[in-house]
């Protein structure tokens, strides 16, 4: 199915990758939102779960290994043309994850990668939904880390 003027929404994943007080941003090298900073992610493939798609997309775009921890939100990204037709329509399942190994390197679909402290997200010109998802994902990540330190959970663990 074509991504440009699709017949139906395309399911994609966005990943709030967290490490300490920072989240991972990528600069998009392809439309939609070409050149903008965003959270990494991409389209889900037939036969893979959302969590598998998230881990694969992070490997492809940044070379990082992650542990997907849970769901943040579901967001629709729709770009209309001058006639009101949907040029792009993605239904994005946004998850949060912990970075487990490696240093990020720009891979396919991205031109740059950067760890950005959450308190500095306002200076990156992010789409409001992207910023909201990153902040919420990071807050959920910190809650899991705190619970692990306090012994209320034995490990951060993968959500099921």
N, C-alpha and C. Protein backbone atom coordinates (compact mmCIF):
# COMPACT_ATOMS: atom_id res chain seq x y z
N UNK A 1 0.84 -1.17 0.00
CA UNK A 1 0.00 0.00 0.00
C UNK A 1 0.90 1.24 0.00
N UNK A 2 0.51 2.20 -0.79
CA UNK A 2 1.26 3.45 -0.87
C UNK A 2 1.11 4.26 0.42
N UNK A 3 2.20 4.87 0.85
CA UNK A 3 2.12 5.74 2.03
C UNK A 3 1.56 7.11 1.65
N UNK A 4 1.72 7.49 0.39
CA UNK A 4 1.19 8.75 -0.11
C UNK A 4 -0.22 8.51 -0.61
N UNK A 5 -1.18 9.23 -0.09
CA UNK A 5 -2.61 9.05 -0.39
C UNK A 5 -3.03 7.59 -0.16
N UNK A 6 -2.86 7.09 1.05
CA UNK A 6 -3.18 5.69 1.33
C UNK A 6 -4.68 5.42 1.28
N UNK A 7 -5.03 4.15 1.01
CA UNK A 7 -6.43 3.73 0.99
C UNK A 7 -7.00 3.65 2.40
N UNK A 8 -6.14 3.40 3.37
CA UNK A 8 -6.55 3.31 4.78
C UNK A 8 -5.35 3.74 5.63
N UNK A 9 -5.59 4.04 6.90
CA UNK A 9 -4.47 4.45 7.76
C UNK A 9 -3.39 3.38 7.83
N UNK A 10 -2.16 3.82 7.96
CA UNK A 10 -1.02 2.93 8.13
C UNK A 10 -0.69 2.89 9.61
N UNK A 11 -0.54 1.68 10.16
CA UNK A 11 -0.18 1.54 11.57
C UNK A 11 1.33 1.72 11.71
N UNK A 12 1.69 2.63 12.57
CA UNK A 12 3.10 2.87 12.84
C UNK A 12 3.35 2.84 14.34
N UNK A 13 4.63 2.77 14.70
CA UNK A 13 5.02 2.81 16.10
C UNK A 13 5.94 4.01 16.30
N UNK A 14 5.80 4.65 17.43
CA UNK A 14 6.72 5.69 17.87
C UNK A 14 7.28 5.24 19.21
N UNK A 15 8.55 5.50 19.45
CA UNK A 15 9.19 4.98 20.66
C UNK A 15 9.86 6.11 21.44
N UNK A 16 9.41 6.30 22.67
CA UNK A 16 10.07 7.22 23.60
C UNK A 16 11.18 6.41 24.28
N UNK A 17 12.38 6.47 23.70
CA UNK A 17 13.53 5.74 24.24
C UNK A 17 14.15 6.60 25.34
N UNK A 18 14.26 6.03 26.53
CA UNK A 18 14.69 6.78 27.71
C UNK A 18 16.02 6.27 28.25
N UNK A 19 16.82 7.20 28.74
CA UNK A 19 18.06 6.88 29.45
C UNK A 19 18.30 8.02 30.43
N UNK A 20 18.20 7.71 31.72
CA UNK A 20 18.38 8.74 32.74
C UNK A 20 17.35 9.83 32.60
N UNK A 21 17.82 11.08 32.51
CA UNK A 21 16.90 12.22 32.40
C UNK A 21 16.64 12.62 30.95
N UNK A 22 17.09 11.79 30.00
CA UNK A 22 17.00 12.15 28.59
C UNK A 22 16.15 11.18 27.78
N UNK A 23 15.71 11.68 26.62
CA UNK A 23 15.00 10.87 25.64
C UNK A 23 15.73 11.00 24.30
N UNK A 24 15.56 10.01 23.45
CA UNK A 24 16.23 9.99 22.16
C UNK A 24 15.37 10.68 21.11
N UNK A 25 15.98 11.61 20.38
CA UNK A 25 15.30 12.26 19.26
C UNK A 25 16.04 11.91 17.97
N UNK A 26 15.28 11.87 16.87
CA UNK A 26 15.87 11.68 15.55
C UNK A 26 15.38 12.81 14.65
N UNK A 27 16.24 13.21 13.72
CA UNK A 27 15.82 14.19 12.70
C UNK A 27 15.39 13.39 11.47
N UNK A 28 14.15 13.60 11.06
CA UNK A 28 13.57 12.82 9.97
C UNK A 28 14.22 13.16 8.63
N UNK A 29 14.58 12.12 7.87
CA UNK A 29 15.21 12.30 6.56
C UNK A 29 14.23 12.06 5.42
N UNK A 30 12.97 11.73 5.76
CA UNK A 30 11.95 11.46 4.75
C UNK A 30 10.63 12.08 5.19
N UNK A 31 9.74 12.39 4.22
CA UNK A 31 8.41 12.88 4.59
C UNK A 31 7.59 11.75 5.22
N UNK A 32 6.56 12.02 5.97
CA UNK A 32 6.14 13.37 6.35
C UNK A 32 7.05 13.94 7.44
N UNK A 33 6.96 15.23 7.65
CA UNK A 33 7.74 15.96 8.65
C UNK A 33 9.25 15.90 8.39
N UNK A 34 9.61 15.90 7.10
CA UNK A 34 11.00 15.90 6.66
C UNK A 34 11.78 17.01 7.37
N UNK A 35 12.94 16.66 7.93
CA UNK A 35 13.81 17.63 8.58
C UNK A 35 13.46 17.96 10.01
N UNK A 36 12.31 17.50 10.49
CA UNK A 36 11.90 17.80 11.86
C UNK A 36 12.49 16.79 12.84
N UNK A 37 12.71 17.26 14.08
CA UNK A 37 13.08 16.36 15.17
C UNK A 37 11.82 15.61 15.60
N UNK A 38 11.98 14.35 15.92
CA UNK A 38 10.83 13.52 16.28
C UNK A 38 11.30 12.36 17.15
N UNK A 39 10.33 11.57 17.62
CA UNK A 39 10.71 10.33 18.26
C UNK A 39 10.91 9.29 17.18
N UNK A 40 11.82 8.34 17.38
CA UNK A 40 12.05 7.33 16.36
C UNK A 40 10.88 6.37 16.24
N UNK A 41 10.77 5.75 15.08
CA UNK A 41 9.71 4.77 14.86
C UNK A 41 9.47 4.57 13.39
N UNK A 42 8.41 3.84 13.08
CA UNK A 42 8.10 3.56 11.68
C UNK A 42 6.92 2.63 11.57
N UNK A 43 6.70 2.14 10.36
CA UNK A 43 5.54 1.30 10.08
C UNK A 43 5.71 -0.12 10.61
N UNK A 44 4.62 -0.65 11.13
CA UNK A 44 4.58 -2.03 11.59
C UNK A 44 4.46 -2.93 10.37
N UNK A 45 5.18 -4.06 10.38
CA UNK A 45 5.10 -5.05 9.31
C UNK A 45 4.09 -6.13 9.67
N UNK A 46 3.50 -6.72 8.65
CA UNK A 46 2.58 -7.84 8.85
C UNK A 46 3.33 -8.96 9.55
N UNK A 47 2.73 -9.51 10.59
CA UNK A 47 3.32 -10.63 11.30
C UNK A 47 4.17 -10.26 12.51
N UNK A 48 4.36 -8.97 12.76
CA UNK A 48 5.12 -8.59 13.95
C UNK A 48 4.22 -7.83 14.92
N UNK A 49 4.52 -7.99 16.20
CA UNK A 49 3.77 -7.26 17.22
C UNK A 49 4.24 -5.80 17.23
N UNK A 50 3.47 -4.96 17.91
CA UNK A 50 3.86 -3.56 18.05
C UNK A 50 5.22 -3.46 18.74
N UNK A 51 5.44 -4.25 19.79
CA UNK A 51 6.71 -4.20 20.52
C UNK A 51 7.87 -4.67 19.63
N UNK A 52 7.64 -5.70 18.82
CA UNK A 52 8.68 -6.16 17.89
C UNK A 52 8.98 -5.08 16.86
N UNK A 53 7.94 -4.43 16.35
CA UNK A 53 8.13 -3.33 15.39
C UNK A 53 8.94 -2.20 16.02
N UNK A 54 8.64 -1.88 17.27
CA UNK A 54 9.36 -0.81 17.97
C UNK A 54 10.85 -1.15 18.07
N UNK A 55 11.17 -2.35 18.51
CA UNK A 55 12.58 -2.74 18.66
C UNK A 55 13.29 -2.76 17.30
N UNK A 56 12.62 -3.27 16.27
CA UNK A 56 13.22 -3.31 14.93
C UNK A 56 13.48 -1.90 14.41
N UNK A 57 12.49 -1.02 14.52
CA UNK A 57 12.66 0.35 14.02
C UNK A 57 13.80 1.08 14.73
N UNK A 58 13.93 0.88 16.04
CA UNK A 58 15.03 1.53 16.77
C UNK A 58 16.37 1.00 16.29
N UNK A 59 16.47 -0.32 16.08
CA UNK A 59 17.73 -0.88 15.55
C UNK A 59 18.05 -0.28 14.18
N UNK A 60 17.03 -0.22 13.29
CA UNK A 60 17.26 0.29 11.93
C UNK A 60 17.62 1.77 11.92
N UNK A 61 16.96 2.57 12.75
CA UNK A 61 17.15 4.02 12.71
C UNK A 61 18.31 4.51 13.55
N UNK A 62 18.67 3.76 14.63
CA UNK A 62 19.67 4.29 15.57
C UNK A 62 20.74 3.29 15.98
N UNK A 63 20.59 2.03 15.62
CA UNK A 63 21.53 0.96 15.99
C UNK A 63 21.51 0.63 17.48
N UNK A 64 20.53 1.14 18.22
CA UNK A 64 20.41 0.85 19.65
C UNK A 64 19.60 -0.42 19.89
N UNK A 65 19.89 -1.09 20.99
CA UNK A 65 19.04 -2.17 21.48
C UNK A 65 18.22 -1.59 22.63
N UNK A 66 16.94 -1.91 22.65
CA UNK A 66 16.04 -1.37 23.67
C UNK A 66 15.26 -2.49 24.33
N UNK A 67 14.65 -2.13 25.45
CA UNK A 67 13.67 -2.98 26.11
C UNK A 67 12.37 -2.19 26.14
N UNK A 68 11.38 -2.66 25.39
CA UNK A 68 10.09 -1.98 25.36
C UNK A 68 9.38 -2.26 26.68
N UNK A 69 8.88 -1.20 27.32
CA UNK A 69 8.31 -1.32 28.66
C UNK A 69 6.79 -1.20 28.71
N UNK A 70 6.18 -0.50 27.78
CA UNK A 70 4.73 -0.37 27.82
C UNK A 70 4.20 0.66 26.86
N UNK A 71 2.88 0.81 26.88
CA UNK A 71 2.15 1.73 26.01
C UNK A 71 2.11 3.13 26.60
N UNK A 72 2.30 4.14 25.76
CA UNK A 72 2.13 5.53 26.16
C UNK A 72 0.77 6.03 25.68
N UNK A 73 0.50 5.91 24.38
CA UNK A 73 -0.73 6.46 23.81
C UNK A 73 -0.88 6.00 22.37
N UNK A 74 -2.03 6.30 21.78
CA UNK A 74 -2.28 6.09 20.36
C UNK A 74 -2.65 7.45 19.78
N UNK A 75 -1.96 7.84 18.70
CA UNK A 75 -2.12 9.17 18.12
C UNK A 75 -2.30 9.02 16.61
N UNK A 76 -3.22 9.79 16.03
CA UNK A 76 -3.35 9.84 14.58
C UNK A 76 -2.59 11.03 14.04
N UNK A 77 -1.77 10.79 13.02
CA UNK A 77 -1.04 11.85 12.32
C UNK A 77 -1.58 11.90 10.90
N UNK A 78 -2.31 12.97 10.60
CA UNK A 78 -2.97 13.11 9.30
C UNK A 78 -2.50 14.41 8.67
N UNK A 79 -1.99 14.32 7.45
CA UNK A 79 -1.58 15.50 6.69
C UNK A 79 -2.49 15.61 5.48
N UNK A 80 -3.24 16.70 5.40
CA UNK A 80 -4.16 16.92 4.28
C UNK A 80 -3.51 17.76 3.20
N UNK A 81 -3.93 17.53 1.95
CA UNK A 81 -3.46 18.38 0.85
C UNK A 81 -4.39 19.57 0.69
N UNK A 82 -4.17 20.38 -0.31
CA UNK A 82 -4.96 21.58 -0.54
C UNK A 82 -6.42 21.31 -0.85
N UNK A 83 -6.74 20.08 -1.25
CA UNK A 83 -8.12 19.71 -1.56
C UNK A 83 -8.83 19.04 -0.39
N UNK A 84 -8.11 18.90 0.73
CA UNK A 84 -8.70 18.25 1.90
C UNK A 84 -8.57 16.74 1.90
N UNK A 85 -7.80 16.18 0.96
CA UNK A 85 -7.57 14.74 0.91
C UNK A 85 -6.39 14.38 1.81
N UNK A 86 -6.43 13.18 2.38
CA UNK A 86 -5.35 12.73 3.27
C UNK A 86 -4.13 12.34 2.45
N UNK A 87 -3.12 13.21 2.46
CA UNK A 87 -1.85 12.92 1.79
C UNK A 87 -1.13 11.81 2.55
N UNK A 88 -1.14 11.90 3.88
CA UNK A 88 -0.59 10.87 4.76
C UNK A 88 -1.58 10.66 5.89
N UNK A 89 -1.71 9.40 6.33
CA UNK A 89 -2.53 9.10 7.51
C UNK A 89 -1.90 7.91 8.22
N UNK A 90 -1.31 8.20 9.37
CA UNK A 90 -0.71 7.18 10.21
C UNK A 90 -1.47 7.11 11.53
N UNK A 91 -1.75 5.90 11.97
CA UNK A 91 -2.22 5.67 13.33
C UNK A 91 -1.00 5.16 14.09
N UNK A 92 -0.52 5.97 15.02
CA UNK A 92 0.74 5.70 15.70
C UNK A 92 0.51 5.14 17.10
N UNK A 93 1.02 3.95 17.32
CA UNK A 93 0.99 3.33 18.64
C UNK A 93 2.32 3.71 19.30
N UNK A 94 2.24 4.59 20.29
CA UNK A 94 3.45 5.09 20.94
C UNK A 94 3.74 4.30 22.21
N UNK A 95 4.98 3.82 22.31
CA UNK A 95 5.43 3.03 23.45
C UNK A 95 6.63 3.72 24.09
N UNK A 96 7.00 3.27 25.28
CA UNK A 96 8.22 3.78 25.91
C UNK A 96 9.15 2.61 26.17
N UNK A 97 10.45 2.92 26.18
CA UNK A 97 11.46 1.87 26.26
C UNK A 97 12.69 2.38 26.97
N UNK A 98 13.47 1.44 27.48
CA UNK A 98 14.76 1.74 28.09
C UNK A 98 15.85 1.39 27.09
N UNK A 99 16.82 2.27 26.92
CA UNK A 99 17.99 1.97 26.09
C UNK A 99 18.81 0.93 26.84
N UNK A 100 19.20 -0.13 26.16
CA UNK A 100 19.93 -1.21 26.82
C UNK A 100 21.39 -1.30 26.40
N UNK A 101 21.70 -1.06 25.14
CA UNK A 101 23.10 -1.16 24.72
C UNK A 101 23.33 -0.34 23.47
N UNK A 102 24.57 0.11 23.35
CA UNK A 102 24.98 0.84 22.16
C UNK A 102 24.85 2.35 22.31
N UNK A 103 25.49 3.04 21.39
CA UNK A 103 25.37 4.48 21.27
C UNK A 103 24.62 4.76 19.99
N UNK A 104 23.69 5.70 20.00
CA UNK A 104 22.88 5.93 18.80
C UNK A 104 23.71 6.48 17.64
N UNK A 105 23.42 5.94 16.46
CA UNK A 105 24.03 6.36 15.21
C UNK A 105 22.90 6.50 14.20
N UNK A 106 22.89 7.56 13.41
CA UNK A 106 21.83 7.74 12.42
C UNK A 106 21.88 6.61 11.40
N UNK A 107 20.76 5.90 11.29
CA UNK A 107 20.63 4.82 10.32
C UNK A 107 19.68 5.23 9.22
N UNK A 108 18.88 4.27 8.73
CA UNK A 108 17.95 4.59 7.65
C UNK A 108 16.84 5.52 8.14
N UNK A 109 16.34 6.34 7.28
CA UNK A 109 15.21 7.25 7.53
C UNK A 109 15.52 8.43 8.44
N UNK A 110 16.73 8.52 9.00
CA UNK A 110 17.06 9.66 9.88
C UNK A 110 18.41 10.25 9.47
N UNK A 111 18.56 11.56 9.69
CA UNK A 111 19.83 12.22 9.36
C UNK A 111 20.68 12.51 10.59
N UNK A 112 20.04 12.61 11.77
CA UNK A 112 20.75 12.88 13.02
C UNK A 112 20.03 12.20 14.17
N UNK A 113 20.79 11.91 15.23
CA UNK A 113 20.21 11.39 16.48
C UNK A 113 20.80 12.19 17.63
N UNK A 114 20.03 12.32 18.71
CA UNK A 114 20.53 13.08 19.87
C UNK A 114 19.79 12.67 21.13
N UNK A 115 20.55 12.50 22.22
CA UNK A 115 19.95 12.37 23.55
C UNK A 115 19.65 13.79 24.03
N UNK A 116 18.42 14.04 24.42
CA UNK A 116 18.01 15.38 24.84
C UNK A 116 17.36 15.30 26.21
N UNK A 117 17.85 16.08 27.19
CA UNK A 117 17.17 16.11 28.48
C UNK A 117 15.71 16.54 28.30
N UNK A 118 14.81 15.89 29.01
CA UNK A 118 13.38 16.18 28.87
C UNK A 118 13.11 17.66 29.10
N UNK A 119 13.79 18.29 30.04
CA UNK A 119 13.55 19.71 30.33
C UNK A 119 13.92 20.62 29.16
N UNK A 120 14.67 20.10 28.16
CA UNK A 120 15.09 20.91 27.01
C UNK A 120 14.29 20.63 25.74
N UNK A 121 13.24 19.82 25.83
CA UNK A 121 12.46 19.48 24.64
C UNK A 121 11.80 20.70 24.00
N UNK A 122 11.48 21.70 24.80
CA UNK A 122 10.82 22.90 24.28
C UNK A 122 11.62 23.64 23.24
N UNK A 123 12.92 23.48 23.23
CA UNK A 123 13.77 24.19 22.28
C UNK A 123 14.01 23.46 20.98
N UNK A 124 13.31 22.36 20.75
CA UNK A 124 13.56 21.55 19.56
C UNK A 124 12.50 21.69 18.46
N UNK A 125 11.51 22.54 18.66
CA UNK A 125 10.48 22.73 17.64
C UNK A 125 9.67 21.48 17.34
N UNK A 126 9.40 20.70 18.37
CA UNK A 126 8.67 19.44 18.19
C UNK A 126 7.18 19.67 17.96
N UNK A 127 6.56 18.77 17.19
CA UNK A 127 5.11 18.71 17.08
C UNK A 127 4.59 18.53 18.50
N UNK A 128 3.51 19.19 18.86
CA UNK A 128 2.99 19.16 20.23
C UNK A 128 2.70 17.74 20.70
N UNK A 129 2.19 16.89 19.82
CA UNK A 129 1.90 15.49 20.19
C UNK A 129 3.18 14.72 20.47
N UNK A 130 4.22 14.99 19.70
CA UNK A 130 5.51 14.33 19.93
C UNK A 130 6.05 14.69 21.30
N UNK A 131 6.02 15.97 21.62
CA UNK A 131 6.52 16.41 22.94
C UNK A 131 5.71 15.78 24.06
N UNK A 132 4.39 15.77 23.92
CA UNK A 132 3.53 15.19 24.95
C UNK A 132 3.84 13.71 25.16
N UNK A 133 4.00 12.96 24.06
CA UNK A 133 4.29 11.53 24.15
C UNK A 133 5.66 11.31 24.80
N UNK A 134 6.66 12.10 24.43
CA UNK A 134 7.99 11.96 25.03
C UNK A 134 7.96 12.24 26.53
N UNK A 135 7.28 13.30 26.92
CA UNK A 135 7.21 13.65 28.34
C UNK A 135 6.45 12.58 29.13
N UNK A 136 5.34 12.10 28.59
CA UNK A 136 4.56 11.06 29.27
C UNK A 136 5.34 9.75 29.33
N UNK A 137 5.98 9.37 28.22
CA UNK A 137 6.78 8.14 28.20
C UNK A 137 7.92 8.19 29.20
N UNK A 138 8.58 9.34 29.29
CA UNK A 138 9.68 9.48 30.24
C UNK A 138 9.18 9.41 31.68
N UNK A 139 8.02 10.01 31.95
CA UNK A 139 7.44 9.94 33.30
C UNK A 139 7.12 8.49 33.67
N UNK A 140 6.57 7.72 32.73
CA UNK A 140 6.28 6.31 32.99
C UNK A 140 7.56 5.53 33.22
N UNK A 141 8.60 5.83 32.45
CA UNK A 141 9.91 5.20 32.62
C UNK A 141 10.45 5.46 34.03
N UNK A 142 10.39 6.72 34.48
CA UNK A 142 10.88 7.07 35.82
C UNK A 142 10.09 6.36 36.91
N UNK A 143 8.77 6.22 36.72
CA UNK A 143 7.94 5.49 37.69
C UNK A 143 8.40 4.05 37.80
N UNK A 144 8.69 3.40 36.67
CA UNK A 144 9.15 2.00 36.71
C UNK A 144 10.51 1.90 37.37
N UNK A 145 11.42 2.83 37.05
CA UNK A 145 12.74 2.83 37.69
C UNK A 145 12.62 2.99 39.20
N UNK A 146 11.76 3.90 39.64
CA UNK A 146 11.56 4.15 41.08
C UNK A 146 11.00 2.89 41.75
N UNK A 147 10.02 2.26 41.13
CA UNK A 147 9.44 1.04 41.69
C UNK A 147 10.49 -0.06 41.81
N UNK A 148 11.39 -0.14 40.83
CA UNK A 148 12.45 -1.14 40.90
C UNK A 148 13.41 -0.83 42.05
N UNK A 149 13.79 0.44 42.21
CA UNK A 149 14.69 0.82 43.31
C UNK A 149 14.07 0.53 44.67
N UNK A 150 12.76 0.78 44.78
CA UNK A 150 12.06 0.58 46.04
C UNK A 150 11.69 -0.88 46.28
N UNK A 151 11.95 -1.73 45.29
CA UNK A 151 11.67 -3.14 45.44
C UNK A 151 10.22 -3.54 45.26
N UNK A 152 9.40 -2.64 44.74
CA UNK A 152 8.00 -3.01 44.52
C UNK A 152 7.82 -3.81 43.24
N UNK A 153 8.85 -3.79 42.35
CA UNK A 153 8.92 -4.72 41.23
C UNK A 153 10.35 -5.23 41.19
N UNK A 154 10.55 -6.48 40.74
CA UNK A 154 11.88 -7.07 40.78
C UNK A 154 12.78 -6.59 39.65
N UNK A 155 12.20 -6.23 38.51
CA UNK A 155 12.98 -5.66 37.41
C UNK A 155 12.04 -4.79 36.60
N UNK A 156 12.63 -3.93 35.77
CA UNK A 156 11.77 -3.08 34.95
C UNK A 156 10.93 -3.97 34.05
N UNK A 157 11.55 -4.95 33.43
CA UNK A 157 10.83 -5.96 32.67
C UNK A 157 10.04 -5.44 31.49
N UNK A 158 9.74 -6.33 30.59
CA UNK A 158 8.97 -6.00 29.39
C UNK A 158 7.50 -6.12 29.68
N UNK A 159 6.74 -5.15 29.22
CA UNK A 159 5.29 -5.21 29.36
C UNK A 159 4.75 -6.35 28.52
N UNK A 160 3.67 -6.96 28.98
CA UNK A 160 3.08 -8.07 28.22
C UNK A 160 1.66 -7.77 27.86
